[in-house]
Amino acid sequence: MSGEAPTYRRDRPRLPGPERRRQIMEVTSGLIAERGFWGMSMQDVADRCGLTVPGVLRHVGSKSGLLTSVLAYRDLEDARSLRAALGVGEDQVPDEWSQVRPAGVDLRSLCLATVRRNAEQPEIVRLFAVLEAESLTPSHPAHDYFVRRQRQAVAAFAALAADVSDEPDALARHVVAMMDGLQLQWLRDPSIDLVAAWQAAAEVLFGG
């Protein structure tokens, strides 16, 4: 009958702990991208994973704990992808590149690798866009995370921008603003070629 709420099975095969946690992270990422953190319930997560709410809580502790876990999980996945794309070692973490610069990585290559990665995962970009807007409220559980994330991104870009600009901090902030703005336009209009749009913007930011 149309209009009825979907039903979810709770008799699915048991998964090993790491696989179940990964499933919870992926399901939660999709739900937040669709509804925002405040629009998502623990019951939604449990239903889509074929678990009870207590079953989900055994893995994450609380709804705030779930959000923290999702953000940490996504950061690890993105860092792994960036390292592979740029050919840097497993021990080199993008968030720390403002202190220890990886050999062979410059600002343009880092930005392009980041945009190419994001172009492959619109749902994850939407997840971060939704959370970044929601977390402008200081009471949001991800507020401190996004303050720290912005600071780290600007610092990493500024460290590389010193090679091409007399005002590396300003250039780094322009890069972050341009990247975020183009991604929002792309999320609203998927016909936009995000990588091509970024490359055109890079010509303006960095020169030919």
Protein backbone atom coordinates (compact mmCIF):
# COMPACT_ATOMS: atom_id res chain seq x y z
CA MET A 1 0.00 0.00 0.00
CA SER A 2 1.51 3.34 -1.06
CA GLY A 3 2.50 5.79 1.62
CA GLU A 4 3.40 3.11 4.15
CA ALA A 5 6.75 3.36 5.92
CA PRO A 6 9.34 0.87 4.63
CA THR A 7 10.03 -2.16 6.76
CA TYR A 8 13.53 -3.40 7.56
CA ARG A 9 14.66 -6.90 8.41
CA ARG A 10 16.47 -7.43 11.70
CA ASP A 11 17.35 -11.06 11.05
CA ARG A 12 20.30 -10.36 8.79
CA PRO A 13 23.50 -12.40 9.26
CA ARG A 14 25.77 -11.16 12.03
CA LEU A 15 28.76 -9.17 10.81
CA PRO A 16 32.21 -9.05 12.40
CA GLY A 17 32.70 -5.93 14.52
CA PRO A 18 34.83 -3.94 12.02
CA GLU A 19 32.44 -4.69 9.15
CA ARG A 20 29.40 -3.74 11.23
CA ARG A 21 31.06 -0.49 12.28
CA ARG A 22 31.90 0.31 8.66
CA GLN A 23 28.29 -0.37 7.70
CA ILE A 24 27.05 1.98 10.43
CA MET A 25 29.46 4.71 9.24
CA GLU A 26 28.35 4.39 5.61
CA VAL A 27 24.65 4.32 6.45
CA THR A 28 24.96 7.31 8.76
CA SER A 29 26.92 9.26 6.14
CA GLY A 30 24.09 8.77 3.66
CA LEU A 31 21.40 9.73 6.16
CA ILE A 32 23.13 12.93 7.22
CA ALA A 33 23.64 13.89 3.57
CA GLU A 34 19.90 13.38 3.01
CA ARG A 35 18.47 14.88 6.20
CA GLY A 36 21.16 16.63 8.20
CA PHE A 37 22.29 15.57 11.65
CA TRP A 38 19.23 16.95 13.42
CA GLY A 39 16.88 15.33 10.89
CA MET A 40 18.36 11.87 11.39
CA SER A 41 17.42 9.58 14.26
CA MET A 42 19.23 6.63 15.77
CA GLN A 43 16.20 4.58 14.78
CA ASP A 44 16.84 5.51 11.13
CA VAL A 45 20.39 4.20 11.41
CA ALA A 46 19.28 1.05 13.20
CA ASP A 47 16.57 0.34 10.61
CA ARG A 48 18.89 0.62 7.65
CA CYS A 49 21.51 -1.56 9.31
CA GLY A 50 19.00 -4.20 10.37
CA LEU A 51 19.81 -3.56 14.03
CA THR A 52 18.06 -2.28 17.13
CA VAL A 53 18.98 1.12 18.54
CA PRO A 54 20.81 -0.53 21.49
CA GLY A 55 22.70 -2.57 18.90
CA VAL A 56 23.91 0.61 17.19
CA LEU A 57 24.75 2.24 20.52
CA ARG A 58 27.01 -0.68 21.44
CA HIS A 59 29.28 0.47 18.61
CA VAL A 60 29.10 4.27 18.97
CA GLY A 61 27.88 5.08 22.49
CA SER A 62 25.53 7.95 21.62
CA LYS A 63 24.22 10.03 18.73
CA SER A 64 27.02 12.56 19.27
CA GLY A 65 29.50 9.70 19.42
CA LEU A 66 28.12 8.42 16.13
CA LEU A 67 28.71 11.80 14.49
CA THR A 68 32.26 11.99 15.83
CA SER A 69 32.93 8.48 14.55
CA VAL A 70 31.55 9.27 11.09
CA LEU A 71 33.73 12.37 10.74
CA ALA A 72 36.84 10.49 11.87
CA TYR A 73 36.03 7.63 9.48
CA ARG A 74 35.57 9.98 6.52
CA ASP A 75 38.83 11.80 7.35
CA LEU A 76 40.74 8.50 7.30
CA GLU A 77 39.20 7.49 3.97
CA ASP A 78 39.95 10.86 2.37
CA ALA A 79 43.50 10.94 3.73
CA ARG A 80 44.14 7.47 2.33
CA SER A 81 42.86 8.53 -1.09
CA LEU A 82 44.89 11.75 -1.14
CA ARG A 83 48.09 9.96 -0.18
CA ALA A 84 47.56 7.45 -2.99
CA ALA A 85 46.77 10.16 -5.55
CA LEU A 86 49.84 12.20 -4.61
CA GLY A 87 52.20 9.28 -4.09
CA VAL A 88 53.12 10.10 -0.49
CA GLY A 89 53.80 7.69 2.36
CA GLU A 90 51.22 6.12 4.64
CA ASP A 91 52.78 7.90 7.61
CA GLN A 92 52.17 11.35 6.10
CA VAL A 93 48.83 12.77 7.24
CA PRO A 94 47.30 15.67 5.21
CA ASP A 95 46.28 17.51 8.39
CA GLU A 96 49.95 17.67 9.40
CA TRP A 97 51.33 18.88 6.07
CA SER A 98 51.60 22.43 7.38
CA GLN A 99 54.42 21.20 9.67
CA VAL A 100 55.98 18.40 7.59
CA ARG A 101 55.68 19.04 3.89
CA PRO A 102 55.66 15.86 1.75
CA ALA A 103 58.22 15.74 -1.04
CA GLY A 104 56.90 16.47 -4.51
CA VAL A 105 53.59 18.00 -3.39
CA ASP A 106 52.80 21.59 -4.30
CA LEU A 107 49.67 23.66 -3.80
CA ARG A 108 48.21 23.09 -7.26
CA SER A 109 48.69 19.32 -7.13
CA LEU A 110 47.16 19.08 -3.65
CA CYS A 111 44.14 21.16 -4.65
CA LEU A 112 43.58 19.23 -7.87
CA ALA A 113 43.85 15.87 -6.10
CA THR A 114 41.35 17.06 -3.48
CA VAL A 115 38.84 18.25 -6.09
CA ARG A 116 39.19 15.06 -8.13
CA ARG A 117 38.55 13.00 -5.01
CA ASN A 118 35.48 15.05 -4.14
CA ALA A 119 34.11 14.83 -7.69
CA GLU A 120 33.92 11.06 -7.22
CA GLN A 121 31.84 11.23 -4.03
CA PRO A 122 29.01 13.77 -4.24
CA GLU A 123 27.16 12.23 -1.30
CA ILE A 124 30.16 12.71 0.97
CA VAL A 125 30.65 16.28 -0.22
CA ARG A 126 26.95 16.87 0.52
CA LEU A 127 27.42 15.30 3.96
CA PHE A 128 30.17 17.79 4.82
CA ALA A 129 28.33 20.74 3.26
CA VAL A 130 25.22 20.03 5.34
CA LEU A 131 27.17 19.50 8.55
CA GLU A 132 29.37 22.54 7.98
CA ALA A 133 26.29 24.76 7.73
CA GLU A 134 24.51 23.15 10.68
CA SER A 135 27.60 23.34 12.87
CA LEU A 136 27.83 27.12 12.67
CA THR A 137 25.73 26.93 15.84
CA PRO A 138 28.21 26.60 18.74
CA SER A 139 26.01 24.02 20.47
CA HIS A 140 26.24 21.61 17.53
CA PRO A 141 28.34 18.53 18.40
CA ALA A 142 30.46 19.05 15.26
CA HIS A 143 31.12 22.77 15.85
CA ASP A 144 34.62 22.34 17.26
CA TYR A 145 35.48 19.76 14.62
CA PHE A 146 34.72 22.16 11.75
CA VAL A 147 36.53 25.05 13.43
CA ARG A 148 39.60 22.82 13.70
CA ARG A 149 39.14 21.43 10.18
CA GLN A 150 39.05 24.90 8.63
CA ARG A 151 42.12 25.97 10.59
CA GLN A 152 44.04 22.87 9.50
CA ALA A 153 43.03 23.23 5.84
CA VAL A 154 44.09 26.87 5.71
CA ALA A 155 47.39 26.09 7.45
CA ALA A 156 48.19 23.22 5.06
CA PHE A 157 47.39 25.30 1.99
CA ALA A 158 49.28 28.32 3.36
CA ALA A 159 52.43 26.25 3.95
CA LEU A 160 52.41 25.31 0.26
CA ALA A 161 51.27 28.76 -0.89
CA ALA A 162 54.48 30.30 0.43
CA ASP A 163 56.18 29.04 -2.75
CA VAL A 164 53.87 31.01 -5.05
CA SER A 165 52.59 34.00 -3.07
CA ASP A 166 53.85 36.82 -0.86
CA GLU A 167 50.58 36.49 1.08
CA PRO A 168 50.23 32.73 1.62
CA ASP A 169 47.55 32.97 4.32
CA ALA A 170 45.32 35.12 2.11
CA LEU A 171 45.82 32.82 -0.88
CA ALA A 172 45.03 29.78 1.28
CA ARG A 173 41.73 31.33 2.40
CA HIS A 174 40.86 32.20 -1.20
CA VAL A 175 41.56 28.61 -2.22
CA VAL A 176 39.27 27.24 0.52
CA ALA A 177 36.53 29.73 -0.36
CA MET A 178 36.74 28.97 -4.10
CA MET A 179 36.78 25.23 -3.57
CA ASP A 180 33.83 25.27 -1.19
CA GLY A 181 31.85 27.65 -3.40
CA LEU A 182 32.35 25.58 -6.56
CA GLN A 183 31.37 22.42 -4.71
CA LEU A 184 28.10 23.99 -3.57
CA GLN A 185 27.31 25.07 -7.13
CA TRP A 186 28.12 21.55 -8.36
CA LEU A 187 25.90 19.92 -5.72
CA ARG A 188 22.99 22.09 -6.89
CA ASP A 189 23.76 21.52 -10.57
CA PRO A 190 25.49 18.16 -11.21
CA SER A 191 25.88 19.02 -14.90
CA ILE A 192 28.81 21.25 -13.86
CA ASP A 193 32.19 19.60 -14.43
CA LEU A 194 33.69 20.20 -11.00
CA VAL A 195 37.26 19.37 -11.99
CA ALA A 196 37.15 21.59 -15.09
CA ALA A 197 35.58 24.42 -13.08
CA TRP A 198 38.34 24.13 -10.48
CA GLN A 199 41.09 24.10 -13.10
CA ALA A 200 39.70 27.31 -14.60
CA ALA A 201 39.58 28.86 -11.12
CA ALA A 202 43.15 27.72 -10.44
CA GLU A 203 44.35 29.72 -13.43
CA VAL A 204 42.93 32.82 -11.79
CA LEU A 205 44.20 32.00 -8.29
CA PHE A 206 47.67 30.79 -9.20
CA GLY A 207 48.31 32.35 -12.60
CA GLY A 208 48.95 30.55 -15.86
